[in-house]
Amino acid sequence: MGQRWIFAALVGTALPLFGQSPTPIAAPSATNAPQTVAVPPENASQGTMPPMSSAESLSQQIITILKDPSARWQDSFFPRDPFIALKDIPRQDRYFDQLLKWYELDLERERKKIGTANLSNLQFVSFKNGYCRWKKPGSEYNKIGYWACSRNIITAQAGEQKFEIKLQAMINWGNAWFPTHLGPIPKQ
């Protein structure tokens, strides 16, 4: 199907910063009623990459979600309306649902890799960002620009045993970072 779409994420709120007004953009919602999504200044045009402190917090959230399989991870996923506003593909809602399923499988795979005995003692150790670049509008089937970082590593520890969790891809929405895939992007 040509170029792969990489997108999915943990939820944040797009707030205007330093008195800036976000740029509104119309997007269909899950109910197909038009919604206005405020595009944060960090996504409206290329500027300085958002700070990695948000990515470290995100990594800690991922560890918490891995530790508790009953955690409502869907509540921390990138919101549907901004996703639909961002992507320039047919049936964005179906792709969004597919990304949710892939992310759930990513979490399950990581839990199995770490092992049940280690999950309860799992602690965040560090986050190391990978290669980051600006994705301008029109690239990777998007209408809105964003920063993307690939091949990120979350290090966690349970007792004396260390684990590396690959955060294959993450993107920004405003000053916040969100995961898109923990592992390899599934082949369609």
N, C-alpha and C. Protein backbone atom coordinates (compact mmCIF):
# COMPACT_ATOMS: atom_id res chain seq x y z
N MET A 1 0.82 -1.18 0.00
CA MET A 1 0.00 0.00 0.00
C MET A 1 0.87 1.25 0.00
N GLY A 2 2.11 1.13 -0.34
CA GLY A 2 2.98 2.29 -0.40
C GLY A 2 3.50 2.68 0.96
N GLN A 3 3.53 3.98 1.19
CA GLN A 3 4.09 4.51 2.43
C GLN A 3 3.27 4.09 3.64
N ARG A 4 3.94 3.69 4.72
CA ARG A 4 3.28 3.30 5.98
C ARG A 4 2.90 4.55 6.75
N TRP A 5 1.77 4.51 7.38
CA TRP A 5 1.35 5.62 8.23
C TRP A 5 1.75 5.28 9.64
N ILE A 6 2.44 6.17 10.27
CA ILE A 6 2.86 5.96 11.64
C ILE A 6 2.15 6.99 12.50
N PHE A 7 1.23 6.52 13.34
CA PHE A 7 0.54 7.44 14.21
C PHE A 7 -0.25 6.70 15.26
N ALA A 8 -0.26 7.16 16.44
CA ALA A 8 -1.04 6.69 17.57
C ALA A 8 -0.45 7.38 18.76
N ALA A 9 -1.10 7.44 19.92
CA ALA A 9 -0.43 8.17 20.96
C ALA A 9 -1.14 8.24 22.29
N LEU A 10 -0.44 8.67 23.32
CA LEU A 10 -1.03 8.91 24.63
C LEU A 10 -1.57 10.33 24.67
N VAL A 11 -2.65 10.53 25.40
CA VAL A 11 -3.41 11.77 25.35
C VAL A 11 -2.77 12.94 26.07
N GLY A 12 -2.97 14.11 25.50
CA GLY A 12 -2.55 15.36 26.12
C GLY A 12 -3.56 16.41 25.76
N THR A 13 -3.35 17.59 26.22
CA THR A 13 -4.26 18.68 25.92
C THR A 13 -3.50 19.75 25.17
N ALA A 14 -4.08 20.23 24.11
CA ALA A 14 -3.44 21.29 23.33
C ALA A 14 -3.88 22.63 23.90
N LEU A 15 -3.00 23.29 24.62
CA LEU A 15 -3.31 24.58 25.20
C LEU A 15 -2.45 25.65 24.55
N PRO A 16 -2.99 26.84 24.34
CA PRO A 16 -2.16 27.90 23.81
C PRO A 16 -1.07 28.26 24.82
N LEU A 17 0.11 28.58 24.34
CA LEU A 17 1.24 28.92 25.20
C LEU A 17 1.61 30.38 25.05
N PHE A 18 2.01 31.00 26.13
CA PHE A 18 2.54 32.35 26.13
C PHE A 18 1.63 33.32 25.38
N GLY A 19 0.34 33.21 25.60
CA GLY A 19 -0.60 34.13 24.99
C GLY A 19 -0.90 33.87 23.53
N GLN A 20 -0.36 32.78 22.95
CA GLN A 20 -0.63 32.47 21.55
C GLN A 20 -2.00 31.80 21.43
N SER A 21 -2.68 32.06 20.35
CA SER A 21 -3.96 31.41 20.10
C SER A 21 -3.75 30.23 19.17
N PRO A 22 -4.34 29.07 19.53
CA PRO A 22 -4.22 27.95 18.62
C PRO A 22 -5.00 28.19 17.34
N THR A 23 -4.58 27.56 16.26
CA THR A 23 -5.24 27.67 14.98
C THR A 23 -6.36 26.63 14.93
N PRO A 24 -7.64 27.05 14.80
CA PRO A 24 -8.71 26.06 14.75
C PRO A 24 -8.74 25.35 13.40
N ILE A 25 -9.12 24.08 13.41
CA ILE A 25 -9.27 23.30 12.19
C ILE A 25 -10.49 22.41 12.36
N ALA A 26 -11.34 22.34 11.33
CA ALA A 26 -12.53 21.51 11.42
C ALA A 26 -12.17 20.06 11.20
N ALA A 27 -12.80 19.19 11.97
CA ALA A 27 -12.57 17.75 11.84
C ALA A 27 -13.86 17.02 12.17
N PRO A 28 -14.16 15.95 11.41
CA PRO A 28 -15.33 15.17 11.77
C PRO A 28 -15.04 14.40 13.04
N SER A 29 -16.03 14.25 13.89
CA SER A 29 -15.83 13.47 15.11
C SER A 29 -16.29 12.05 14.86
N ALA A 30 -16.24 11.24 15.90
CA ALA A 30 -16.67 9.84 15.79
C ALA A 30 -18.14 9.78 15.36
N THR A 31 -18.90 10.81 15.68
CA THR A 31 -20.31 10.84 15.30
C THR A 31 -20.51 11.55 13.97
N ASN A 32 -19.42 11.95 13.31
CA ASN A 32 -19.43 12.66 12.04
C ASN A 32 -19.97 14.07 12.13
N ALA A 33 -20.23 14.56 13.33
CA ALA A 33 -20.60 15.96 13.49
C ALA A 33 -19.32 16.78 13.45
N PRO A 34 -19.31 17.89 12.71
CA PRO A 34 -18.07 18.67 12.63
C PRO A 34 -17.65 19.19 14.00
N GLN A 35 -16.40 19.07 14.29
CA GLN A 35 -15.80 19.57 15.53
C GLN A 35 -14.68 20.51 15.14
N THR A 36 -14.41 21.48 15.98
CA THR A 36 -13.27 22.35 15.74
C THR A 36 -12.16 21.90 16.68
N VAL A 37 -11.02 21.59 16.10
CA VAL A 37 -9.87 21.15 16.88
C VAL A 37 -8.86 22.29 16.85
N ALA A 38 -8.44 22.72 18.02
CA ALA A 38 -7.43 23.79 18.11
C ALA A 38 -6.06 23.18 17.84
N VAL A 39 -5.42 23.66 16.80
CA VAL A 39 -4.08 23.19 16.47
C VAL A 39 -3.09 24.00 17.31
N PRO A 40 -2.32 23.32 18.16
CA PRO A 40 -1.38 24.06 18.99
C PRO A 40 -0.28 24.73 18.15
N PRO A 41 0.28 25.82 18.64
CA PRO A 41 1.32 26.53 17.88
C PRO A 41 2.49 25.62 17.48
N GLU A 42 2.82 24.64 18.33
CA GLU A 42 3.95 23.74 18.05
C GLU A 42 3.69 22.84 16.85
N ASN A 43 2.42 22.72 16.45
CA ASN A 43 2.07 21.92 15.28
C ASN A 43 1.66 22.79 14.09
N ALA A 44 1.35 24.04 14.33
CA ALA A 44 0.90 24.93 13.26
C ALA A 44 2.06 25.30 12.33
N SER A 45 3.27 25.35 12.87
CA SER A 45 4.44 25.62 12.04
C SER A 45 5.68 25.06 12.74
N GLN A 46 6.70 24.79 11.94
CA GLN A 46 7.92 24.24 12.51
C GLN A 46 8.58 25.29 13.39
N GLY A 47 8.86 24.90 14.57
CA GLY A 47 9.58 25.76 15.51
C GLY A 47 10.56 24.88 16.26
N THR A 48 10.74 25.19 17.49
CA THR A 48 11.63 24.40 18.33
C THR A 48 10.92 23.11 18.74
N MET A 49 11.65 22.02 18.71
CA MET A 49 11.10 20.74 19.12
C MET A 49 10.67 20.81 20.59
N PRO A 50 9.50 20.24 20.92
CA PRO A 50 9.05 20.25 22.32
C PRO A 50 10.07 19.57 23.24
N PRO A 51 10.08 19.96 24.50
CA PRO A 51 11.06 19.40 25.44
C PRO A 51 10.84 17.90 25.66
N MET A 52 11.92 17.20 25.93
CA MET A 52 11.85 15.76 26.17
C MET A 52 11.33 15.42 27.56
N SER A 53 11.13 16.42 28.42
CA SER A 53 10.58 16.13 29.75
C SER A 53 9.19 15.49 29.63
N SER A 54 8.42 15.88 28.63
CA SER A 54 7.12 15.27 28.39
C SER A 54 7.28 13.81 27.97
N ALA A 55 8.32 13.51 27.20
CA ALA A 55 8.57 12.13 26.77
C ALA A 55 8.97 11.26 27.95
N GLU A 56 9.70 11.84 28.90
CA GLU A 56 10.06 11.07 30.09
C GLU A 56 8.80 10.76 30.92
N SER A 57 7.91 11.74 31.06
CA SER A 57 6.64 11.50 31.76
C SER A 57 5.83 10.44 31.04
N LEU A 58 5.80 10.52 29.72
CA LEU A 58 5.12 9.52 28.90
C LEU A 58 5.69 8.13 29.18
N SER A 59 7.01 8.02 29.24
CA SER A 59 7.66 6.74 29.50
C SER A 59 7.25 6.18 30.85
N GLN A 60 7.14 7.05 31.85
CA GLN A 60 6.69 6.61 33.17
C GLN A 60 5.25 6.13 33.12
N GLN A 61 4.42 6.79 32.31
CA GLN A 61 3.03 6.35 32.13
C GLN A 61 2.99 4.96 31.50
N ILE A 62 3.82 4.75 30.50
CA ILE A 62 3.85 3.44 29.83
C ILE A 62 4.22 2.34 30.83
N ILE A 63 5.19 2.61 31.70
CA ILE A 63 5.57 1.63 32.72
C ILE A 63 4.38 1.33 33.63
N THR A 64 3.67 2.37 34.05
CA THR A 64 2.49 2.18 34.89
C THR A 64 1.44 1.34 34.19
N ILE A 65 1.20 1.60 32.92
CA ILE A 65 0.22 0.83 32.14
C ILE A 65 0.67 -0.62 32.00
N LEU A 66 1.96 -0.84 31.77
CA LEU A 66 2.48 -2.21 31.65
C LEU A 66 2.30 -2.97 32.96
N LYS A 67 2.51 -2.31 34.09
CA LYS A 67 2.41 -2.95 35.40
C LYS A 67 0.98 -3.39 35.72
N ASP A 68 0.01 -2.66 35.21
CA ASP A 68 -1.39 -2.92 35.55
C ASP A 68 -2.20 -3.20 34.29
N PRO A 69 -2.33 -4.50 33.92
CA PRO A 69 -3.08 -4.84 32.71
C PRO A 69 -4.53 -4.36 32.72
N SER A 70 -5.08 -4.07 33.92
CA SER A 70 -6.46 -3.59 33.98
C SER A 70 -6.53 -2.07 33.80
N ALA A 71 -5.38 -1.40 33.72
CA ALA A 71 -5.37 0.06 33.54
C ALA A 71 -6.07 0.43 32.25
N ARG A 72 -6.81 1.49 32.28
CA ARG A 72 -7.54 1.95 31.11
C ARG A 72 -6.62 2.73 30.21
N TRP A 73 -5.79 2.01 29.47
CA TRP A 73 -4.79 2.63 28.60
C TRP A 73 -5.44 3.44 27.48
N GLN A 74 -6.67 3.09 27.09
CA GLN A 74 -7.34 3.81 26.00
C GLN A 74 -7.54 5.29 26.35
N ASP A 75 -7.71 5.57 27.65
CA ASP A 75 -7.91 6.95 28.08
C ASP A 75 -6.65 7.80 27.89
N SER A 76 -5.52 7.14 27.74
CA SER A 76 -4.28 7.88 27.57
C SER A 76 -3.83 7.92 26.12
N PHE A 77 -4.64 7.41 25.21
CA PHE A 77 -4.31 7.37 23.80
C PHE A 77 -4.65 8.70 23.14
N PHE A 78 -3.96 9.03 22.07
CA PHE A 78 -4.19 10.27 21.34
C PHE A 78 -5.68 10.42 21.03
N PRO A 79 -6.28 11.61 21.28
CA PRO A 79 -7.71 11.79 21.06
C PRO A 79 -8.10 11.65 19.58
N ARG A 80 -9.25 11.11 19.37
CA ARG A 80 -9.75 10.84 18.02
C ARG A 80 -9.88 12.09 17.15
N ASP A 81 -10.50 13.16 17.67
CA ASP A 81 -10.72 14.35 16.84
C ASP A 81 -9.43 14.99 16.35
N PRO A 82 -8.41 15.19 17.21
CA PRO A 82 -7.15 15.71 16.68
C PRO A 82 -6.50 14.76 15.67
N PHE A 83 -6.62 13.46 15.88
CA PHE A 83 -6.07 12.50 14.93
C PHE A 83 -6.72 12.66 13.56
N ILE A 84 -8.04 12.75 13.56
CA ILE A 84 -8.78 12.90 12.30
C ILE A 84 -8.44 14.24 11.64
N ALA A 85 -8.25 15.28 12.45
CA ALA A 85 -7.86 16.59 11.89
C ALA A 85 -6.45 16.52 11.29
N LEU A 86 -5.56 15.74 11.90
CA LEU A 86 -4.18 15.68 11.46
C LEU A 86 -4.00 14.84 10.19
N LYS A 87 -4.62 13.68 10.12
CA LYS A 87 -4.37 12.75 9.02
C LYS A 87 -5.15 13.13 7.77
N ASP A 88 -4.50 12.97 6.62
CA ASP A 88 -5.09 13.27 5.32
C ASP A 88 -5.25 11.97 4.54
N ILE A 89 -6.11 11.12 5.07
CA ILE A 89 -6.37 9.81 4.46
C ILE A 89 -7.87 9.56 4.49
N PRO A 90 -8.35 8.68 3.60
CA PRO A 90 -9.76 8.32 3.69
C PRO A 90 -10.00 7.49 4.95
N ARG A 91 -11.13 7.64 5.55
CA ARG A 91 -11.55 6.83 6.69
C ARG A 91 -10.54 6.86 7.84
N GLN A 92 -10.20 8.05 8.26
CA GLN A 92 -9.26 8.20 9.36
C GLN A 92 -9.73 7.45 10.61
N ASP A 93 -11.05 7.41 10.82
CA ASP A 93 -11.58 6.73 12.00
C ASP A 93 -11.24 5.25 12.02
N ARG A 94 -11.29 4.59 10.86
CA ARG A 94 -10.92 3.17 10.80
C ARG A 94 -9.44 2.98 11.08
N TYR A 95 -8.60 3.86 10.55
CA TYR A 95 -7.17 3.76 10.79
C TYR A 95 -6.86 4.01 12.27
N PHE A 96 -7.55 4.98 12.86
CA PHE A 96 -7.39 5.25 14.28
C PHE A 96 -7.71 4.00 15.10
N ASP A 97 -8.83 3.35 14.79
CA ASP A 97 -9.20 2.12 15.50
C ASP A 97 -8.15 1.03 15.32
N GLN A 98 -7.57 0.91 14.12
CA GLN A 98 -6.52 -0.08 13.88
C GLN A 98 -5.29 0.23 14.73
N LEU A 99 -4.93 1.50 14.84
CA LEU A 99 -3.79 1.89 15.66
C LEU A 99 -4.01 1.54 17.13
N LEU A 100 -5.24 1.74 17.61
CA LEU A 100 -5.57 1.35 18.98
C LEU A 100 -5.33 -0.15 19.18
N LYS A 101 -5.75 -0.95 18.24
CA LYS A 101 -5.56 -2.42 18.34
C LYS A 101 -4.08 -2.77 18.32
N TRP A 102 -3.31 -2.13 17.43
CA TRP A 102 -1.88 -2.42 17.35
C TRP A 102 -1.18 -2.02 18.65
N TYR A 103 -1.57 -0.89 19.21
CA TYR A 103 -0.94 -0.44 20.45
C TYR A 103 -1.26 -1.40 21.59
N GLU A 104 -2.49 -1.87 21.64
CA GLU A 104 -2.87 -2.86 22.66
C GLU A 104 -2.01 -4.13 22.51
N LEU A 105 -1.80 -4.58 21.28
CA LEU A 105 -0.93 -5.74 21.03
C LEU A 105 0.51 -5.45 21.44
N ASP A 106 0.98 -4.23 21.19
CA ASP A 106 2.33 -3.83 21.61
C ASP A 106 2.46 -3.97 23.14
N LEU A 107 1.46 -3.47 23.87
CA LEU A 107 1.49 -3.55 25.33
C LEU A 107 1.49 -5.01 25.80
N GLU A 108 0.64 -5.83 25.20
CA GLU A 108 0.59 -7.26 25.56
C GLU A 108 1.93 -7.94 25.29
N ARG A 109 2.54 -7.64 24.15
CA ARG A 109 3.83 -8.24 23.81
C ARG A 109 4.90 -7.85 24.83
N GLU A 110 4.91 -6.59 25.23
CA GLU A 110 5.90 -6.13 26.22
C GLU A 110 5.67 -6.80 27.58
N ARG A 111 4.42 -6.95 27.97
CA ARG A 111 4.13 -7.63 29.25
C ARG A 111 4.65 -9.06 29.23
N LYS A 112 4.45 -9.77 28.13
CA LYS A 112 4.95 -11.14 28.01
C LYS A 112 6.47 -11.18 28.05
N LYS A 113 7.10 -10.23 27.37
CA LYS A 113 8.56 -10.18 27.34
C LYS A 113 9.13 -9.95 28.74
N ILE A 114 8.50 -9.07 29.50
CA ILE A 114 8.97 -8.74 30.85
C ILE A 114 8.65 -9.88 31.82
N GLY A 115 7.51 -10.50 31.65
CA GLY A 115 7.10 -11.62 32.51
C GLY A 115 6.28 -11.16 33.70
N THR A 116 5.27 -11.93 34.02
CA THR A 116 4.33 -11.60 35.09
C THR A 116 5.03 -11.37 36.42
N ALA A 117 6.01 -12.20 36.73
CA ALA A 117 6.71 -12.08 38.02
C ALA A 117 7.43 -10.75 38.15
N ASN A 118 7.88 -10.18 37.06
CA ASN A 118 8.63 -8.92 37.10
C ASN A 118 7.74 -7.68 37.02
N LEU A 119 6.54 -7.83 36.47
CA LEU A 119 5.71 -6.64 36.23
C LEU A 119 5.39 -5.86 37.50
N SER A 120 5.07 -6.56 38.59
CA SER A 120 4.66 -5.85 39.81
C SER A 120 5.81 -5.02 40.39
N ASN A 121 7.04 -5.40 40.13
CA ASN A 121 8.21 -4.66 40.66
C ASN A 121 8.85 -3.74 39.63
N LEU A 122 8.26 -3.63 38.47
CA LEU A 122 8.85 -2.85 37.39
C LEU A 122 8.91 -1.37 37.75
N GLN A 123 10.09 -0.78 37.58
CA GLN A 123 10.29 0.64 37.88
C GLN A 123 10.94 1.33 36.68
N PHE A 124 10.51 2.55 36.43
CA PHE A 124 11.12 3.37 35.38
C PHE A 124 12.54 3.72 35.79
N VAL A 125 13.50 3.62 34.85
CA VAL A 125 14.89 4.00 35.09
C VAL A 125 15.25 5.23 34.26
N SER A 126 15.03 5.15 32.94
CA SER A 126 15.42 6.27 32.09
C SER A 126 14.73 6.23 30.74
N PHE A 127 14.82 7.34 30.05
CA PHE A 127 14.32 7.46 28.69
C PHE A 127 15.44 8.04 27.83
N LYS A 128 15.64 7.46 26.66
CA LYS A 128 16.62 7.99 25.71
C LYS A 128 15.90 8.18 24.37
N ASN A 129 15.87 9.45 23.92
CA ASN A 129 15.20 9.68 22.64
C ASN A 129 16.11 9.26 21.49
N GLY A 130 15.46 8.90 20.40
CA GLY A 130 16.17 8.47 19.21
C GLY A 130 16.34 9.61 18.22
N TYR A 131 16.09 9.33 16.97
CA TYR A 131 16.24 10.29 15.88
C TYR A 131 14.93 11.09 15.74
N CYS A 132 15.03 12.42 15.83
CA CYS A 132 13.85 13.28 15.78
C CYS A 132 13.91 14.20 14.56
N ARG A 133 12.74 14.41 13.94
CA ARG A 133 12.67 15.34 12.81
C ARG A 133 11.26 15.87 12.65
N TRP A 134 11.17 17.02 11.99
CA TRP A 134 9.88 17.67 11.72
C TRP A 134 9.24 17.00 10.51
N LYS A 135 7.96 16.66 10.62
CA LYS A 135 7.17 16.11 9.50
C LYS A 135 6.26 17.24 9.03
N LYS A 136 6.62 17.83 7.91
CA LYS A 136 5.85 18.97 7.43
C LYS A 136 4.49 18.50 6.89
N PRO A 137 3.51 19.42 6.85
CA PRO A 137 2.21 19.07 6.28
C PRO A 137 2.40 18.51 4.86
N GLY A 138 1.67 17.47 4.56
CA GLY A 138 1.79 16.83 3.25
C GLY A 138 2.70 15.62 3.27
N SER A 139 3.50 15.46 4.31
CA SER A 139 4.34 14.26 4.43
C SER A 139 3.62 13.23 5.28
N GLU A 140 3.85 11.99 5.03
CA GLU A 140 3.23 10.88 5.78
C GLU A 140 1.72 11.05 5.90
N TYR A 141 1.10 11.54 4.86
CA TYR A 141 -0.36 11.67 4.80
C TYR A 141 -0.93 12.50 5.94
N ASN A 142 -0.29 13.64 6.23
CA ASN A 142 -0.82 14.50 7.27
C ASN A 142 -1.11 15.90 6.73
N LYS A 143 -2.14 16.51 7.33
CA LYS A 143 -2.52 17.88 6.98
C LYS A 143 -1.84 18.89 7.89
N ILE A 144 -1.39 18.42 9.05
CA ILE A 144 -0.80 19.28 10.07
C ILE A 144 0.61 18.77 10.35
N GLY A 145 1.55 19.66 10.56
CA GLY A 145 2.92 19.25 10.86
C GLY A 145 3.07 18.73 12.28
N TYR A 146 4.12 17.96 12.49
CA TYR A 146 4.43 17.47 13.83
C TYR A 146 5.88 17.00 13.89
N TRP A 147 6.40 16.94 15.10
CA TRP A 147 7.73 16.37 15.35
C TRP A 147 7.55 14.88 15.57
N ALA A 148 8.46 14.09 15.03
CA ALA A 148 8.43 12.64 15.22
C ALA A 148 9.82 12.17 15.66
N CYS A 149 9.83 11.27 16.62
CA CYS A 149 11.09 10.68 17.09
C CYS A 149 10.96 9.17 16.97
N SER A 150 11.95 8.54 16.36
CA SER A 150 11.92 7.08 16.20
C SER A 150 13.09 6.45 16.93
N ARG A 151 12.94 5.17 17.21
CA ARG A 151 13.96 4.35 17.89
C ARG A 151 14.33 4.91 19.26
N ASN A 152 13.31 5.22 20.05
CA ASN A 152 13.50 5.68 21.42
C ASN A 152 13.59 4.46 22.34
N ILE A 153 14.24 4.61 23.48
CA ILE A 153 14.41 3.49 24.41
C ILE A 153 13.96 3.91 25.80
N ILE A 154 13.08 3.09 26.40
CA ILE A 154 12.69 3.25 27.79
C ILE A 154 13.42 2.13 28.54
N THR A 155 14.16 2.49 29.58
CA THR A 155 14.81 1.47 30.40
C THR A 155 14.03 1.35 31.70
N ALA A 156 13.72 0.11 32.05
CA ALA A 156 12.99 -0.18 33.29
C ALA A 156 13.75 -1.28 34.02
N GLN A 157 13.44 -1.44 35.30
CA GLN A 157 14.14 -2.43 36.10
C GLN A 157 13.16 -3.08 37.06
N ALA A 158 13.33 -4.38 37.26
CA ALA A 158 12.60 -5.15 38.27
C ALA A 158 13.64 -5.93 39.05
N GLY A 159 13.88 -5.52 40.29
CA GLY A 159 14.96 -6.12 41.06
C GLY A 159 16.28 -5.79 40.40
N GLU A 160 17.08 -6.81 40.14
CA GLU A 160 18.38 -6.61 39.48
C GLU A 160 18.29 -6.68 37.96
N GLN A 161 17.13 -7.07 37.44
CA GLN A 161 16.99 -7.28 36.00
C GLN A 161 16.52 -6.01 35.30
N LYS A 162 17.24 -5.63 34.24
CA LYS A 162 16.88 -4.44 33.46
C LYS A 162 16.17 -4.88 32.17
N PHE A 163 15.28 -4.02 31.72
CA PHE A 163 14.53 -4.27 30.50
C PHE A 163 14.59 -3.02 29.63
N GLU A 164 14.75 -3.23 28.32
CA GLU A 164 14.67 -2.14 27.36
C GLU A 164 13.36 -2.28 26.61
N ILE A 165 12.58 -1.23 26.66
CA ILE A 165 11.30 -1.19 25.94
C ILE A 165 11.49 -0.21 24.79
N LYS A 166 11.33 -0.72 23.59
CA LYS A 166 11.51 0.13 22.41
C LYS A 166 10.24 0.93 22.18
N LEU A 167 10.41 2.22 22.16
CA LEU A 167 9.34 3.12 21.78
C LEU A 167 9.66 3.50 20.34
N GLN A 168 9.17 2.66 19.43
CA GLN A 168 9.55 2.75 18.02
C GLN A 168 9.28 4.12 17.43
N ALA A 169 8.15 4.72 17.79
CA ALA A 169 7.80 6.02 17.23
C ALA A 169 6.94 6.80 18.20
N MET A 170 7.23 8.09 18.30
CA MET A 170 6.39 9.00 19.08
C MET A 170 6.32 10.33 18.33
N ILE A 171 5.20 11.03 18.54
CA ILE A 171 5.00 12.32 17.90
C ILE A 171 4.53 13.33 18.93
N ASN A 172 4.55 14.61 18.53
CA ASN A 172 4.06 15.64 19.45
C ASN A 172 2.69 16.13 19.04
N TRP A 173 1.95 16.60 20.03
CA TRP A 173 0.75 17.42 19.86
C TRP A 173 0.91 18.51 20.89
N GLY A 174 1.24 19.69 20.41
CA GLY A 174 1.60 20.76 21.33
C GLY A 174 2.95 20.45 21.95
N ASN A 175 3.07 20.68 23.24
CA ASN A 175 4.32 20.41 23.95
C ASN A 175 4.40 18.98 24.47
N ALA A 176 3.39 18.17 24.20
CA ALA A 176 3.35 16.80 24.73
C ALA A 176 3.76 15.79 23.66
N TRP A 177 4.39 14.71 24.11
CA TRP A 177 4.79 13.60 23.24
C TRP A 177 3.87 12.42 23.47
N PHE A 178 3.60 11.66 22.41
CA PHE A 178 2.70 10.51 22.46
C PHE A 178 3.28 9.36 21.68
N PRO A 179 3.16 8.13 22.21
CA PRO A 179 3.69 6.98 21.46
C PRO A 179 2.80 6.67 20.27
N THR A 180 3.40 6.16 19.23
CA THR A 180 2.63 5.65 18.10
C THR A 180 2.77 4.14 18.00
N HIS A 181 3.96 3.63 18.26
CA HIS A 181 4.20 2.19 18.27
C HIS A 181 5.31 1.89 19.27
N LEU A 182 5.13 0.87 20.07
CA LEU A 182 6.22 0.44 20.97
C LEU A 182 7.20 -0.44 20.20
N GLY A 183 6.70 -1.24 19.30
CA GLY A 183 7.58 -2.15 18.58
C GLY A 183 7.48 -1.94 17.09
N PRO A 184 7.85 -2.96 16.33
CA PRO A 184 7.79 -2.85 14.86
C PRO A 184 6.38 -2.52 14.39
N ILE A 185 6.31 -1.77 13.32
CA ILE A 185 5.02 -1.41 12.75
C ILE A 185 4.50 -2.63 12.00
N PRO A 186 3.30 -3.11 12.36
CA PRO A 186 2.79 -4.32 11.71
C PRO A 186 2.64 -4.16 10.20
N LYS A 187 2.88 -5.25 9.50
CA LYS A 187 2.68 -5.28 8.03
C LYS A 187 1.21 -5.49 7.79
N GLN A 188 0.70 -4.78 6.79
CA GLN A 188 -0.73 -4.92 6.48
C GLN A 188 -0.91 -5.89 5.35
